N, C-alpha and C. Protein backbone atom coordinates (compact mmCIF):
# COMPACT_ATOMS: atom_id res chain seq x y z
N MET A 1 14.66 -159.71 -129.87
CA MET A 1 15.22 -160.87 -129.19
C MET A 1 16.43 -160.48 -128.34
N LYS A 2 17.37 -159.70 -128.94
CA LYS A 2 18.55 -159.28 -128.19
C LYS A 2 18.14 -158.41 -127.00
N ARG A 3 17.12 -157.57 -127.22
CA ARG A 3 16.65 -156.70 -126.15
C ARG A 3 16.10 -157.53 -124.99
N ASN A 4 15.33 -158.58 -125.30
CA ASN A 4 14.78 -159.44 -124.26
C ASN A 4 15.88 -160.14 -123.48
N LEU A 5 16.90 -160.63 -124.18
CA LEU A 5 18.03 -161.28 -123.51
C LEU A 5 18.76 -160.29 -122.62
N PHE A 6 18.95 -159.07 -123.12
CA PHE A 6 19.62 -158.03 -122.33
C PHE A 6 18.81 -157.74 -121.06
N LEU A 7 17.49 -157.58 -121.20
CA LEU A 7 16.65 -157.29 -120.04
C LEU A 7 16.67 -158.44 -119.04
N MET A 8 16.67 -159.68 -119.55
CA MET A 8 16.73 -160.83 -118.66
C MET A 8 18.06 -160.85 -117.90
N ALA A 9 19.16 -160.60 -118.61
CA ALA A 9 20.48 -160.56 -117.97
C ALA A 9 20.54 -159.45 -116.94
N LEU A 10 19.99 -158.29 -117.25
CA LEU A 10 19.98 -157.17 -116.32
C LEU A 10 19.18 -157.51 -115.07
N CYS A 11 18.05 -158.17 -115.24
CA CYS A 11 17.24 -158.58 -114.09
C CYS A 11 18.00 -159.57 -113.21
N CYS A 12 18.68 -160.52 -113.84
CA CYS A 12 19.47 -161.50 -113.08
C CYS A 12 20.59 -160.82 -112.30
N LEU A 13 21.28 -159.88 -112.94
CA LEU A 13 22.36 -159.16 -112.28
C LEU A 13 21.82 -158.35 -111.12
N THR A 14 20.70 -157.68 -111.32
CA THR A 14 20.07 -156.91 -110.25
C THR A 14 19.71 -157.82 -109.09
N PHE A 15 19.19 -159.01 -109.40
CA PHE A 15 18.85 -159.96 -108.35
C PHE A 15 20.09 -160.36 -107.55
N LEU A 16 21.18 -160.69 -108.26
CA LEU A 16 22.39 -161.12 -107.56
C LEU A 16 22.93 -160.02 -106.67
N LEU A 17 22.95 -158.80 -107.16
CA LEU A 17 23.45 -157.70 -106.34
C LEU A 17 22.50 -157.41 -105.19
N GLY A 18 21.21 -157.49 -105.45
CA GLY A 18 20.23 -157.21 -104.41
C GLY A 18 20.16 -158.30 -103.37
N ALA A 19 20.51 -159.52 -103.75
CA ALA A 19 20.42 -160.64 -102.82
C ALA A 19 21.50 -160.60 -101.76
N ALA A 20 22.58 -159.91 -102.04
CA ALA A 20 23.68 -159.84 -101.08
C ALA A 20 23.24 -159.06 -99.85
N GLN A 21 23.67 -159.51 -98.68
CA GLN A 21 23.39 -158.76 -97.47
C GLN A 21 24.12 -157.42 -97.56
N GLN A 22 23.65 -156.47 -96.83
CA GLN A 22 24.22 -155.13 -96.83
C GLN A 22 25.74 -155.20 -96.65
N GLY A 23 26.48 -154.71 -97.61
CA GLY A 23 27.93 -154.62 -97.51
C GLY A 23 28.70 -155.90 -97.81
N PHE A 24 28.02 -157.00 -98.10
CA PHE A 24 28.72 -158.25 -98.39
C PHE A 24 29.04 -158.34 -99.87
N PRO A 25 30.25 -158.79 -100.22
CA PRO A 25 30.61 -158.92 -101.63
C PRO A 25 29.90 -160.11 -102.28
N VAL A 26 29.73 -160.04 -103.57
CA VAL A 26 29.16 -161.15 -104.34
C VAL A 26 30.30 -161.78 -105.13
N PRO A 27 30.59 -163.08 -104.92
CA PRO A 27 31.68 -163.72 -105.66
C PRO A 27 31.42 -163.68 -107.17
N GLU A 28 32.51 -163.55 -107.92
CA GLU A 28 32.38 -163.63 -109.38
C GLU A 28 31.87 -165.01 -109.74
N ARG A 29 30.91 -165.06 -110.63
CA ARG A 29 30.30 -166.33 -111.04
C ARG A 29 31.27 -167.11 -111.91
N ASP A 30 31.38 -168.38 -111.64
CA ASP A 30 32.23 -169.30 -112.38
C ASP A 30 31.33 -170.42 -112.89
N VAL A 31 31.66 -171.04 -114.00
CA VAL A 31 30.80 -172.09 -114.56
C VAL A 31 30.66 -173.28 -113.62
N LEU A 32 31.62 -173.49 -112.73
CA LEU A 32 31.55 -174.61 -111.81
C LEU A 32 30.79 -174.28 -110.53
N GLN A 33 30.59 -173.00 -110.25
CA GLN A 33 29.97 -172.58 -108.99
C GLN A 33 28.52 -173.03 -108.89
N LEU A 34 28.19 -173.62 -107.74
CA LEU A 34 26.81 -174.02 -107.46
C LEU A 34 26.12 -172.96 -106.60
N PHE A 35 26.72 -172.64 -105.45
CA PHE A 35 26.18 -171.63 -104.55
C PHE A 35 27.30 -171.16 -103.64
N TYR A 36 27.01 -170.14 -102.84
CA TYR A 36 27.99 -169.68 -101.87
C TYR A 36 27.32 -169.41 -100.53
N LEU A 37 28.14 -169.42 -99.47
CA LEU A 37 27.65 -169.23 -98.11
C LEU A 37 28.41 -168.07 -97.48
N GLN A 38 27.66 -167.15 -96.87
CA GLN A 38 28.26 -166.04 -96.13
C GLN A 38 27.65 -166.00 -94.75
N ARG A 39 28.40 -165.43 -93.79
CA ARG A 39 27.90 -165.33 -92.43
C ARG A 39 28.38 -164.03 -91.82
N THR A 40 27.75 -163.62 -90.72
CA THR A 40 27.97 -162.28 -90.18
C THR A 40 29.34 -162.00 -89.57
N PRO A 41 30.11 -162.93 -89.07
CA PRO A 41 31.36 -162.50 -88.44
C PRO A 41 32.31 -161.71 -89.36
N ASN A 42 32.35 -162.04 -90.65
CA ASN A 42 33.19 -161.28 -91.59
C ASN A 42 32.73 -161.57 -93.01
N HIS A 43 33.39 -160.97 -93.97
CA HIS A 43 32.96 -161.11 -95.36
C HIS A 43 33.55 -162.32 -96.08
N ASN A 44 34.45 -163.06 -95.42
CA ASN A 44 34.98 -164.26 -96.07
C ASN A 44 33.81 -165.16 -96.48
N THR A 45 33.93 -165.77 -97.63
CA THR A 45 32.82 -166.49 -98.25
C THR A 45 33.24 -167.91 -98.61
N VAL A 46 32.37 -168.87 -98.33
CA VAL A 46 32.61 -170.24 -98.76
C VAL A 46 31.85 -170.45 -100.06
N VAL A 47 32.57 -170.85 -101.10
CA VAL A 47 31.97 -171.12 -102.40
C VAL A 47 31.92 -172.64 -102.58
N TYR A 48 30.80 -173.13 -103.07
CA TYR A 48 30.61 -174.56 -103.33
C TYR A 48 30.54 -174.74 -104.84
N GLU A 49 31.46 -175.55 -105.37
CA GLU A 49 31.52 -175.73 -106.82
C GLU A 49 31.49 -177.21 -107.17
N LEU A 50 31.18 -177.49 -108.44
CA LEU A 50 31.24 -178.85 -108.94
C LEU A 50 32.68 -179.35 -108.89
N ASN A 51 32.86 -180.63 -108.59
CA ASN A 51 34.18 -181.22 -108.49
C ASN A 51 34.31 -182.30 -109.57
N PHE A 52 35.12 -182.02 -110.56
CA PHE A 52 35.33 -182.96 -111.65
C PHE A 52 36.66 -183.69 -111.49
N LYS A 53 36.68 -184.95 -111.89
CA LYS A 53 37.89 -185.77 -111.88
C LYS A 53 37.95 -186.47 -113.23
N ASP A 54 39.04 -186.27 -113.94
CA ASP A 54 39.22 -186.85 -115.28
C ASP A 54 38.06 -186.50 -116.22
N GLY A 55 37.59 -185.25 -116.13
CA GLY A 55 36.55 -184.76 -117.02
C GLY A 55 35.13 -185.18 -116.67
N LYS A 56 34.96 -185.93 -115.58
CA LYS A 56 33.63 -186.37 -115.15
C LYS A 56 33.40 -185.92 -113.71
N LEU A 57 32.13 -185.74 -113.37
CA LEU A 57 31.80 -185.38 -112.00
C LEU A 57 32.31 -186.46 -111.06
N ASP A 58 33.05 -186.07 -110.03
CA ASP A 58 33.60 -187.01 -109.06
C ASP A 58 32.44 -187.59 -108.26
N VAL A 59 32.14 -188.87 -108.45
CA VAL A 59 30.98 -189.48 -107.81
C VAL A 59 31.13 -189.58 -106.29
N ARG A 60 32.35 -189.61 -105.79
CA ARG A 60 32.56 -189.69 -104.34
C ARG A 60 32.48 -188.32 -103.68
N ASN A 61 32.95 -187.29 -104.39
CA ASN A 61 32.96 -185.92 -103.86
C ASN A 61 32.51 -184.96 -104.96
N PRO A 62 31.22 -184.90 -105.25
CA PRO A 62 30.77 -184.08 -106.37
C PRO A 62 30.80 -182.57 -106.11
N VAL A 63 30.90 -182.18 -104.83
CA VAL A 63 30.90 -180.76 -104.48
C VAL A 63 32.17 -180.43 -103.71
N HIS A 64 32.84 -179.36 -104.14
CA HIS A 64 34.09 -178.92 -103.52
C HIS A 64 33.91 -177.52 -102.92
N PRO A 65 34.00 -177.40 -101.58
CA PRO A 65 33.91 -176.08 -100.95
C PRO A 65 35.30 -175.46 -100.78
N PHE A 66 35.38 -174.14 -100.91
CA PHE A 66 36.63 -173.42 -100.66
C PHE A 66 36.30 -171.99 -100.24
N TRP A 67 37.28 -171.33 -99.66
CA TRP A 67 37.12 -169.94 -99.21
C TRP A 67 37.46 -168.95 -100.31
N ILE A 68 36.81 -167.82 -100.28
CA ILE A 68 37.33 -166.60 -100.89
C ILE A 68 37.58 -165.69 -99.69
N ARG A 69 38.84 -165.39 -99.43
CA ARG A 69 39.26 -164.62 -98.25
C ARG A 69 39.19 -163.12 -98.54
N TYR A 70 37.99 -162.56 -98.49
CA TYR A 70 37.81 -161.14 -98.78
C TYR A 70 38.51 -160.25 -97.76
N THR A 71 38.64 -160.71 -96.50
CA THR A 71 39.26 -159.87 -95.48
C THR A 71 40.78 -159.84 -95.59
N GLU A 72 41.34 -160.65 -96.45
CA GLU A 72 42.78 -160.64 -96.67
C GLU A 72 43.03 -160.02 -98.05
N GLN A 73 43.33 -160.84 -99.05
CA GLN A 73 43.61 -160.30 -100.39
C GLN A 73 42.66 -160.88 -101.43
N LYS A 74 41.48 -161.24 -101.00
CA LYS A 74 40.47 -161.83 -101.88
C LYS A 74 40.95 -163.11 -102.55
N GLN A 75 41.89 -163.81 -101.90
CA GLN A 75 42.45 -165.01 -102.51
C GLN A 75 41.59 -166.23 -102.20
N ARG A 76 41.73 -167.22 -103.05
CA ARG A 76 41.08 -168.51 -102.86
C ARG A 76 41.92 -169.32 -101.89
N ALA A 77 41.27 -170.04 -100.97
CA ALA A 77 41.99 -170.88 -100.01
C ALA A 77 41.13 -172.10 -99.70
N GLU A 78 41.79 -173.23 -99.49
CA GLU A 78 41.08 -174.45 -99.14
C GLU A 78 40.59 -174.37 -97.69
N LEU A 79 39.51 -175.08 -97.39
CA LEU A 79 39.04 -175.18 -96.02
C LEU A 79 40.03 -176.02 -95.23
N SER A 80 40.17 -175.71 -93.95
CA SER A 80 41.01 -176.56 -93.09
C SER A 80 40.26 -177.86 -92.81
N TRP A 81 40.96 -178.84 -92.26
CA TRP A 81 40.33 -180.11 -91.93
C TRP A 81 39.17 -179.89 -90.96
N ILE A 82 39.36 -179.06 -89.95
CA ILE A 82 38.31 -178.77 -88.97
C ILE A 82 37.11 -178.12 -89.66
N GLN A 83 37.36 -177.16 -90.53
CA GLN A 83 36.27 -176.48 -91.24
C GLN A 83 35.51 -177.45 -92.15
N ARG A 84 36.23 -178.34 -92.85
CA ARG A 84 35.59 -179.32 -93.72
C ARG A 84 34.79 -180.35 -92.93
N THR A 85 35.31 -180.75 -91.78
CA THR A 85 34.72 -181.83 -91.01
C THR A 85 33.57 -181.38 -90.11
N PHE A 86 33.66 -180.17 -89.57
CA PHE A 86 32.67 -179.74 -88.58
C PHE A 86 31.83 -178.53 -88.96
N ALA A 87 32.19 -177.80 -90.00
CA ALA A 87 31.47 -176.55 -90.26
C ALA A 87 30.94 -176.44 -91.68
N TYR A 88 31.83 -176.30 -92.66
CA TYR A 88 31.42 -175.93 -94.01
C TYR A 88 31.54 -177.04 -95.05
N GLY A 89 31.99 -178.21 -94.63
CA GLY A 89 32.10 -179.32 -95.56
C GLY A 89 30.73 -179.87 -95.92
N VAL A 90 30.71 -180.77 -96.89
CA VAL A 90 29.45 -181.38 -97.32
C VAL A 90 29.57 -182.90 -97.33
N LYS A 91 28.43 -183.54 -97.17
CA LYS A 91 28.32 -184.98 -97.37
C LYS A 91 27.41 -185.18 -98.57
N ALA A 92 27.80 -186.10 -99.43
CA ALA A 92 27.02 -186.35 -100.64
C ALA A 92 26.67 -187.83 -100.72
N LYS A 93 25.44 -188.10 -101.12
CA LYS A 93 24.99 -189.48 -101.30
C LYS A 93 24.32 -189.59 -102.66
N MET A 94 24.90 -190.45 -103.51
CA MET A 94 24.36 -190.64 -104.85
C MET A 94 23.04 -191.41 -104.78
N GLN A 95 22.08 -190.98 -105.60
CA GLN A 95 20.77 -191.61 -105.67
C GLN A 95 20.68 -192.49 -106.93
N ALA A 96 19.66 -193.31 -107.00
CA ALA A 96 19.48 -194.22 -108.14
C ALA A 96 19.34 -193.48 -109.46
N ASP A 97 18.81 -192.26 -109.43
CA ASP A 97 18.62 -191.49 -110.67
C ASP A 97 19.85 -190.64 -111.03
N SER A 98 20.99 -190.90 -110.39
CA SER A 98 22.26 -190.19 -110.60
C SER A 98 22.26 -188.77 -110.05
N SER A 99 21.25 -188.41 -109.27
CA SER A 99 21.31 -187.14 -108.54
C SER A 99 22.02 -187.42 -107.22
N TYR A 100 22.28 -186.37 -106.44
CA TYR A 100 22.96 -186.51 -105.16
C TYR A 100 22.18 -185.76 -104.09
N ILE A 101 22.08 -186.35 -102.92
CA ILE A 101 21.58 -185.62 -101.75
C ILE A 101 22.82 -184.99 -101.12
N ILE A 102 22.78 -183.68 -100.95
CA ILE A 102 23.91 -182.93 -100.40
C ILE A 102 23.48 -182.33 -99.07
N LYS A 103 24.33 -182.50 -98.04
CA LYS A 103 24.05 -181.91 -96.73
C LYS A 103 25.30 -181.23 -96.21
N LEU A 104 25.12 -180.06 -95.59
CA LEU A 104 26.23 -179.41 -94.91
C LEU A 104 26.52 -180.21 -93.65
N VAL A 105 27.79 -180.43 -93.32
CA VAL A 105 28.13 -181.24 -92.16
C VAL A 105 27.65 -180.60 -90.86
N SER A 106 27.51 -179.29 -90.83
CA SER A 106 27.12 -178.60 -89.60
C SER A 106 25.61 -178.58 -89.38
N TYR A 107 24.82 -178.93 -90.39
CA TYR A 107 23.36 -178.89 -90.24
C TYR A 107 22.75 -179.98 -91.12
N SER A 108 22.82 -181.21 -90.64
CA SER A 108 22.44 -182.36 -91.46
C SER A 108 20.93 -182.48 -91.70
N HIS A 109 20.13 -181.67 -91.01
CA HIS A 109 18.68 -181.73 -91.21
C HIS A 109 18.21 -180.92 -92.42
N PHE A 110 19.13 -180.26 -93.09
CA PHE A 110 18.79 -179.49 -94.28
C PHE A 110 19.41 -180.18 -95.49
N SER A 111 18.57 -180.68 -96.38
CA SER A 111 19.05 -181.40 -97.56
C SER A 111 18.90 -180.58 -98.83
N MET A 112 19.88 -180.72 -99.69
CA MET A 112 19.85 -180.11 -101.02
C MET A 112 20.00 -181.25 -102.02
N THR A 113 19.65 -181.00 -103.26
CA THR A 113 19.77 -182.01 -104.31
C THR A 113 20.60 -181.47 -105.45
N LEU A 114 21.65 -182.20 -105.81
CA LEU A 114 22.48 -181.86 -106.96
C LEU A 114 22.03 -182.73 -108.12
N LYS A 115 21.60 -182.09 -109.20
CA LYS A 115 21.17 -182.85 -110.38
C LYS A 115 21.26 -181.96 -111.61
N LYS A 116 21.19 -182.61 -112.76
CA LYS A 116 21.19 -181.86 -114.01
C LYS A 116 19.83 -181.21 -114.22
N GLY A 117 19.87 -179.95 -114.65
CA GLY A 117 18.64 -179.23 -114.95
C GLY A 117 18.18 -179.54 -116.36
N ALA A 118 17.12 -178.88 -116.78
CA ALA A 118 16.56 -179.08 -118.12
C ALA A 118 17.57 -178.73 -119.20
N ASP A 119 18.52 -177.84 -118.87
CA ASP A 119 19.55 -177.43 -119.83
C ASP A 119 20.74 -178.38 -119.88
N GLY A 120 20.70 -179.47 -119.08
CA GLY A 120 21.78 -180.45 -119.07
C GLY A 120 22.95 -180.07 -118.17
N LYS A 121 22.85 -178.95 -117.45
CA LYS A 121 23.92 -178.50 -116.56
C LYS A 121 23.53 -178.81 -115.11
N TYR A 122 24.55 -179.15 -114.31
CA TYR A 122 24.30 -179.43 -112.91
C TYR A 122 23.91 -178.15 -112.18
N LYS A 123 22.92 -178.31 -111.28
CA LYS A 123 22.48 -177.23 -110.41
C LYS A 123 22.19 -177.84 -109.05
N ILE A 124 22.21 -176.98 -108.03
CA ILE A 124 21.86 -177.44 -106.70
C ILE A 124 20.47 -176.90 -106.37
N TYR A 125 19.60 -177.80 -105.95
CA TYR A 125 18.21 -177.44 -105.64
C TYR A 125 18.00 -177.54 -104.14
N ALA A 126 17.25 -176.58 -103.59
CA ALA A 126 16.98 -176.57 -102.16
C ALA A 126 15.52 -176.19 -101.93
N PRO A 127 14.95 -176.65 -100.81
CA PRO A 127 13.57 -176.26 -100.52
C PRO A 127 13.52 -174.79 -100.07
N ILE A 128 12.91 -173.96 -100.90
CA ILE A 128 12.70 -172.55 -100.58
C ILE A 128 11.20 -172.31 -100.71
N ASN A 129 10.57 -171.90 -99.62
CA ASN A 129 9.11 -171.71 -99.60
C ASN A 129 8.38 -172.98 -100.02
N GLN A 130 8.83 -174.11 -99.50
CA GLN A 130 8.23 -175.44 -99.71
C GLN A 130 8.29 -175.94 -101.15
N GLN A 131 9.16 -175.38 -101.97
CA GLN A 131 9.33 -175.89 -103.34
C GLN A 131 10.82 -175.99 -103.65
N LEU A 132 11.19 -176.95 -104.50
CA LEU A 132 12.59 -177.08 -104.89
C LEU A 132 12.96 -175.99 -105.88
N MET A 133 13.89 -175.14 -105.48
CA MET A 133 14.34 -174.02 -106.29
C MET A 133 15.85 -174.15 -106.49
N VAL A 134 16.38 -173.49 -107.49
CA VAL A 134 17.83 -173.49 -107.70
C VAL A 134 18.43 -172.55 -106.65
N LEU A 135 19.38 -173.05 -105.88
CA LEU A 135 20.00 -172.29 -104.80
C LEU A 135 21.19 -171.50 -105.33
N ASP A 136 21.27 -170.22 -104.96
CA ASP A 136 22.42 -169.38 -105.29
C ASP A 136 23.24 -169.06 -104.05
N ARG A 137 22.56 -168.88 -102.91
CA ARG A 137 23.26 -168.33 -101.75
C ARG A 137 22.60 -168.75 -100.45
N ILE A 138 23.45 -168.94 -99.43
CA ILE A 138 22.99 -169.13 -98.05
C ILE A 138 23.67 -168.04 -97.23
N PHE A 139 22.88 -167.32 -96.44
CA PHE A 139 23.43 -166.33 -95.52
C PHE A 139 23.07 -166.76 -94.11
N VAL A 140 24.07 -166.80 -93.20
CA VAL A 140 23.85 -167.23 -91.83
C VAL A 140 24.05 -166.04 -90.90
N LYS A 141 23.02 -165.72 -90.13
CA LYS A 141 23.07 -164.61 -89.16
C LYS A 141 23.49 -165.18 -87.82
N ILE A 142 24.75 -164.91 -87.43
CA ILE A 142 25.30 -165.40 -86.17
C ILE A 142 25.28 -164.25 -85.17
N THR A 143 24.75 -164.50 -83.98
CA THR A 143 24.62 -163.44 -82.98
C THR A 143 25.55 -163.61 -81.78
N GLY A 144 26.36 -164.64 -81.76
CA GLY A 144 27.26 -164.86 -80.63
C GLY A 144 27.65 -166.32 -80.56
N GLY A 145 27.94 -166.76 -79.34
CA GLY A 145 28.36 -168.14 -79.14
C GLY A 145 29.86 -168.29 -79.36
N SER A 146 30.27 -169.48 -79.74
CA SER A 146 31.69 -169.75 -79.95
C SER A 146 31.89 -170.41 -81.31
N MET A 147 33.16 -170.65 -81.65
CA MET A 147 33.46 -171.32 -82.91
C MET A 147 32.77 -172.69 -82.97
N TRP A 148 32.78 -173.42 -81.85
CA TRP A 148 32.23 -174.76 -81.83
C TRP A 148 30.72 -174.77 -81.65
N SER A 149 30.17 -173.67 -81.13
CA SER A 149 28.73 -173.62 -80.87
C SER A 149 28.19 -172.21 -81.08
N PRO A 150 28.11 -171.77 -82.34
CA PRO A 150 27.63 -170.41 -82.61
C PRO A 150 26.12 -170.29 -82.34
N ASP A 151 25.71 -169.10 -81.93
CA ASP A 151 24.29 -168.81 -81.78
C ASP A 151 23.79 -168.28 -83.12
N ILE A 152 22.95 -169.05 -83.77
CA ILE A 152 22.46 -168.70 -85.10
C ILE A 152 21.02 -168.22 -84.98
N GLU A 153 20.80 -166.97 -85.39
CA GLU A 153 19.45 -166.40 -85.35
C GLU A 153 18.60 -166.97 -86.49
N TYR A 154 19.18 -167.04 -87.68
CA TYR A 154 18.48 -167.58 -88.84
C TYR A 154 19.48 -167.85 -89.95
N PHE A 155 19.03 -168.60 -90.95
CA PHE A 155 19.77 -168.67 -92.21
C PHE A 155 18.80 -168.34 -93.32
N GLU A 156 19.31 -167.67 -94.34
CA GLU A 156 18.47 -167.21 -95.44
C GLU A 156 18.93 -167.88 -96.73
N LEU A 157 17.98 -168.46 -97.43
CA LEU A 157 18.25 -169.11 -98.71
C LEU A 157 17.79 -168.18 -99.82
N SER A 158 18.63 -168.00 -100.82
CA SER A 158 18.27 -167.19 -101.99
C SER A 158 18.54 -168.00 -103.24
N GLY A 159 17.65 -167.91 -104.18
CA GLY A 159 17.80 -168.64 -105.43
C GLY A 159 16.79 -168.18 -106.44
N TRP A 160 16.40 -169.12 -107.32
CA TRP A 160 15.43 -168.77 -108.37
C TRP A 160 14.62 -169.98 -108.76
N ASP A 161 13.43 -169.70 -109.23
CA ASP A 161 12.49 -170.73 -109.66
C ASP A 161 12.92 -171.23 -111.04
N PRO A 162 13.23 -172.53 -111.19
CA PRO A 162 13.69 -173.03 -112.49
C PRO A 162 12.62 -172.96 -113.59
N ALA A 163 11.36 -172.89 -113.21
CA ALA A 163 10.29 -172.83 -114.21
C ALA A 163 10.07 -171.41 -114.74
N THR A 164 10.24 -170.41 -113.85
CA THR A 164 9.92 -169.03 -114.24
C THR A 164 11.13 -168.11 -114.29
N GLY A 165 12.22 -168.51 -113.60
CA GLY A 165 13.39 -167.63 -113.50
C GLY A 165 13.23 -166.57 -112.43
N LYS A 166 12.10 -166.57 -111.73
CA LYS A 166 11.81 -165.56 -110.71
C LYS A 166 12.68 -165.78 -109.46
N ALA A 167 13.19 -164.67 -108.91
CA ALA A 167 14.00 -164.72 -107.69
C ALA A 167 13.13 -165.14 -106.51
N VAL A 168 13.70 -165.97 -105.63
CA VAL A 168 13.00 -166.43 -104.43
C VAL A 168 13.96 -166.38 -103.25
N SER A 169 13.42 -166.21 -102.05
CA SER A 169 14.24 -166.28 -100.85
C SER A 169 13.36 -166.66 -99.67
N GLU A 170 13.99 -167.20 -98.64
CA GLU A 170 13.27 -167.58 -97.43
C GLU A 170 14.25 -167.58 -96.27
N ARG A 171 13.80 -167.02 -95.14
CA ARG A 171 14.57 -167.11 -93.89
C ARG A 171 14.03 -168.27 -93.08
N LYS A 172 14.97 -169.02 -92.51
CA LYS A 172 14.58 -170.16 -91.68
C LYS A 172 15.26 -170.02 -90.33
N LYS A 173 14.53 -170.35 -89.29
CA LYS A 173 15.07 -170.36 -87.93
C LYS A 173 15.80 -171.68 -87.72
N VAL A 174 16.81 -171.64 -86.89
CA VAL A 174 17.56 -172.84 -86.56
C VAL A 174 17.24 -173.21 -85.13
N LEU A 175 16.76 -174.43 -84.93
CA LEU A 175 16.50 -174.91 -83.58
C LEU A 175 17.80 -175.38 -82.98
N LYS A 176 18.12 -174.91 -81.77
CA LYS A 176 19.42 -175.20 -81.16
C LYS A 176 19.71 -176.69 -81.07
N ASP A 177 18.74 -177.51 -80.62
CA ASP A 177 19.03 -178.94 -80.49
C ASP A 177 19.20 -179.60 -81.84
N VAL A 178 18.56 -179.09 -82.88
CA VAL A 178 18.68 -179.66 -84.22
C VAL A 178 20.02 -179.30 -84.83
N ALA A 179 20.47 -178.06 -84.64
CA ALA A 179 21.72 -177.59 -85.26
C ALA A 179 22.92 -178.36 -84.76
N LYS A 180 22.88 -178.84 -83.53
CA LYS A 180 24.04 -179.50 -82.96
C LYS A 180 24.05 -181.00 -83.22
N SER A 181 23.00 -181.53 -83.84
CA SER A 181 22.97 -182.98 -84.07
C SER A 181 23.47 -183.32 -85.45
């Protein structure tokens, strides 16, 4: 039994290290962490975590994004108002079943679902290969453009199948007119 648990943990660790883009750091896992986002301009990483208020999930803002500034001193920093409002912030809408539809403010056509898993813990689910999988990471390949209008070649979703524990990933193209709406 212990051997099986060890092998499962080793496989998960290998997946997390392997899922990182070449040379990108992997944030230390925290019990509140849902997923993280990295992009090509630098190694700074946006981490998305559960947001609790008075010991309960904050129904108005269930997800809290923040930076890990790897290019400085690896410190945690809050997103600026511009970053929260136009780039890396999230919008959350509570559903009748107490789950939440979560969308990044910069790409509202991509929906994720925050809900409790079979283990009773909150997880973020995203469509990966046409099925809802637990999301661990989003990587955005930026090839140019500007801060207000980056040229995005693709974004890659990495996660795992909640039924099997198997690692999954998918690259998606971003349509320019869709990304800006």
